[in-house]
Amino acid sequence: MSELYVARSQEIAARALDGEMMIMSARDSTLFNLNELGTLIWQAADGATTLEEIVEKNICAEYEVELQQALEDAEAFVRELEGLGILRVSHQPITDAS
């Protein structure tokens, strides 16, 4: 698995509510609700930190889960959000604001 960087899309509106993120797509006004683990990934998605670092520091450190399994699940999750236009995913750091 190669390094992946994730960043929040600029085409969304998001609010934290009771430890979970409510996200609305500006494309089509679709509303998404991220659970606690999804919210941890979302909040750490700064474009400069690898997905593996995010998972290791924010998920494995808090929950009893193997890094490899958590990383596979996290990659599937971020790929799904990428397909919905909620996250941007790259093999290089994401530094632009677009």
C-alpha atoms as a PDB file:
ATOM      1  CA  MET A   1       0.000   0.000   0.000  1.00  0.00           C
ATOM      2  CA  SER A   2       1.564   3.319  -1.022  1.00  0.00           C
ATOM      3  CA  GLU A   3       1.337   6.473   1.034  1.00  0.00           C
ATOM      4  CA  LEU A   4      -1.907   8.371   0.727  1.00  0.00           C
ATOM      5  CA  TYR A   5      -2.599  11.937   1.750  1.00  0.00           C
ATOM      6  CA  VAL A   6      -6.134  13.134   2.401  1.00  0.00           C
ATOM      7  CA  ALA A   7      -7.633  16.608   2.527  1.00  0.00           C
ATOM      8  CA  ARG A   8     -11.147  17.884   3.053  1.00  0.00           C
ATOM      9  CA  SER A   9     -12.863  19.133  -0.078  1.00  0.00           C
ATOM     10  CA  GLN A  10     -13.563  22.842  -0.372  1.00  0.00           C
ATOM     11  CA  GLU A  11     -16.955  21.995  -1.926  1.00  0.00           C
ATOM     12  CA  ILE A  12     -18.659  21.032   1.322  1.00  0.00           C
ATOM     13  CA  ALA A  13     -20.103  22.524   4.498  1.00  0.00           C
ATOM     14  CA  ALA A  14     -19.447  20.659   7.747  1.00  0.00           C
ATOM     15  CA  ARG A  15     -20.445  20.909  11.411  1.00  0.00           C
ATOM     16  CA  ALA A  16     -19.604  18.788  14.434  1.00  0.00           C
ATOM     17  CA  LEU A  17     -22.670  17.554  16.321  1.00  0.00           C
ATOM     18  CA  ASP A  18     -22.366  15.294  19.384  1.00  0.00           C
ATOM     19  CA  GLY A  19     -18.921  14.021  18.335  1.00  0.00           C
ATOM     20  CA  GLU A  20     -19.936  13.266  14.770  1.00  0.00           C
ATOM     21  CA  MET A  21     -19.593  15.308  11.581  1.00  0.00           C
ATOM     22  CA  MET A  22     -22.548  16.392   9.502  1.00  0.00           C
ATOM     23  CA  ILE A  23     -21.365  17.191   5.976  1.00  0.00           C
ATOM     24  CA  MET A  24     -23.338  18.708   3.124  1.00  0.00           C
ATOM     25  CA  SER A  25     -22.108  18.532  -0.442  1.00  0.00           C
ATOM     26  CA  ALA A  26     -22.224  21.845  -2.292  1.00  0.00           C
ATOM     27  CA  ARG A  27     -22.554  19.876  -5.546  1.00  0.00           C
ATOM     28  CA  ASP A  28     -26.012  18.499  -4.881  1.00  0.00           C
ATOM     29  CA  SER A  29     -26.908  19.358  -1.248  1.00  0.00           C
ATOM     30  CA  THR A  30     -26.572  15.711  -0.196  1.00  0.00           C
ATOM     31  CA  LEU A  31     -26.163  15.334   3.568  1.00  0.00           C
ATOM     32  CA  PHE A  32     -23.690  12.857   5.090  1.00  0.00           C
ATOM     33  CA  ASN A  33     -23.156  11.830   8.694  1.00  0.00           C
ATOM     34  CA  LEU A  34     -19.750  10.505   9.764  1.00  0.00           C
ATOM     35  CA  ASN A  35     -19.500   8.262  12.807  1.00  0.00           C
ATOM     36  CA  GLU A  36     -16.875   8.763  15.514  1.00  0.00           C
ATOM     37  CA  LEU A  37     -14.071   7.007  13.622  1.00  0.00           C
ATOM     38  CA  GLY A  38     -14.920   8.712  10.359  1.00  0.00           C
ATOM     39  CA  THR A  39     -14.916  12.023  12.200  1.00  0.00           C
ATOM     40  CA  LEU A  40     -11.412  11.337  13.568  1.00  0.00           C
ATOM     41  CA  ILE A  41     -10.130  10.775  10.035  1.00  0.00           C
ATOM     42  CA  TRP A  42     -12.047  13.782   8.698  1.00  0.00           C
ATOM     43  CA  GLN A  43     -10.672  16.145  11.326  1.00  0.00           C
ATOM     44  CA  ALA A  44      -7.080  14.993  10.722  1.00  0.00           C
ATOM     45  CA  ALA A  45      -7.350  15.217   6.905  1.00  0.00           C
ATOM     46  CA  ASP A  46      -5.058  18.209   6.427  1.00  0.00           C
ATOM     47  CA  GLY A  47      -3.413  17.175   3.149  1.00  0.00           C
ATOM     48  CA  ALA A  48       0.036  17.075   4.786  1.00  0.00           C
ATOM     49  CA  THR A  49      -0.359  14.012   7.011  1.00  0.00           C
ATOM     50  CA  THR A  50      -0.404  10.517   5.538  1.00  0.00           C
ATOM     51  CA  LEU A  51      -3.409   8.317   6.067  1.00  0.00           C
ATOM     52  CA  GLU A  52      -1.172   5.824   7.865  1.00  0.00           C
ATOM     53  CA  GLU A  53      -0.091   8.514  10.364  1.00  0.00           C
ATOM     54  CA  ILE A  54      -3.700   9.535  10.901  1.00  0.00           C
ATOM     55  CA  VAL A  55      -4.768   5.957  11.549  1.00  0.00           C
ATOM     56  CA  GLU A  56      -1.818   5.167  13.806  1.00  0.00           C
ATOM     57  CA  LYS A  57      -2.113   8.327  15.930  1.00  0.00           C
ATOM     58  CA  ASN A  58      -5.881   8.791  16.018  1.00  0.00           C
ATOM     59  CA  ILE A  59      -7.394   5.324  15.737  1.00  0.00           C
ATOM     60  CA  CYS A  60      -4.869   2.695  16.823  1.00  0.00           C
ATOM     61  CA  ALA A  61      -3.808   4.827  19.775  1.00  0.00           C
ATOM     62  CA  GLU A  62      -7.404   5.062  21.011  1.00  0.00           C
ATOM     63  CA  TYR A  63      -8.912   1.724  19.985  1.00  0.00           C
ATOM     64  CA  GLU A  64      -7.634  -1.823  20.184  1.00  0.00           C
ATOM     65  CA  VAL A  65      -7.139  -2.481  16.490  1.00  0.00           C
ATOM     66  CA  GLU A  66      -4.239  -3.732  14.387  1.00  0.00           C
ATOM     67  CA  LEU A  67      -2.640  -1.035  12.241  1.00  0.00           C
ATOM     68  CA  GLN A  68      -2.866  -3.004   8.988  1.00  0.00           C
ATOM     69  CA  GLN A  69      -6.584  -3.783   9.376  1.00  0.00           C
ATOM     70  CA  ALA A  70      -7.396  -0.237  10.470  1.00  0.00           C
ATOM     71  CA  LEU A  71      -5.426   1.152   7.537  1.00  0.00           C
ATOM     72  CA  GLU A  72      -7.229  -1.061   5.012  1.00  0.00           C
ATOM     73  CA  ASP A  73     -10.600   0.007   6.429  1.00  0.00           C
ATOM     74  CA  ALA A  74      -9.551   3.666   6.465  1.00  0.00           C
ATOM     75  CA  GLU A  75      -8.401   3.525   2.850  1.00  0.00           C
ATOM     76  CA  ALA A  76     -11.735   2.058   1.758  1.00  0.00           C
ATOM     77  CA  PHE A  77     -13.499   4.792   3.744  1.00  0.00           C
ATOM     78  CA  VAL A  78     -11.491   7.686   2.267  1.00  0.00           C
ATOM     79  CA  ARG A  79     -11.868   6.269  -1.251  1.00  0.00           C
ATOM     80  CA  GLU A  80     -15.639   6.205  -0.753  1.00  0.00           C
ATOM     81  CA  LEU A  81     -15.621   9.823   0.444  1.00  0.00           C
ATOM     82  CA  GLU A  82     -13.367  10.749  -2.460  1.00  0.00           C
ATOM     83  CA  GLY A  83     -15.956   9.315  -4.852  1.00  0.00           C
ATOM     84  CA  LEU A  84     -18.598  11.473  -3.211  1.00  0.00           C
ATOM     85  CA  GLY A  85     -16.467  14.603  -3.531  1.00  0.00           C
ATOM     86  CA  ILE A  86     -16.081  14.979   0.244  1.00  0.00           C
ATOM     87  CA  LEU A  87     -12.361  14.177   0.533  1.00  0.00           C
ATOM     88  CA  ARG A  88      -9.434  14.600  -1.822  1.00  0.00           C
ATOM     89  CA  VAL A  89      -6.900  11.753  -1.957  1.00  0.00           C
ATOM     90  CA  SER A  90      -3.396  11.901  -3.438  1.00  0.00           C
ATOM     91  CA  HIS A  91      -0.086  10.026  -3.393  1.00  0.00           C
ATOM     92  CA  GLN A  92       1.604  13.382  -2.707  1.00  0.00           C
ATOM     93  CA  PRO A  93       0.901  16.045  -0.076  1.00  0.00           C
ATOM     94  CA  ILE A  94      -2.076  18.211  -0.990  1.00  0.00           C
ATOM     95  CA  THR A  95      -1.035  21.819  -0.584  1.00  0.00           C
ATOM     96  CA  ASP A  96      -3.423  23.827  -2.735  1.00  0.00           C
ATOM     97  CA  ALA A  97      -6.683  25.205  -1.419  1.00  0.00           C
ATOM     98  CA  SER A  98      -8.800  24.142  -4.396  1.00  0.00           C
END
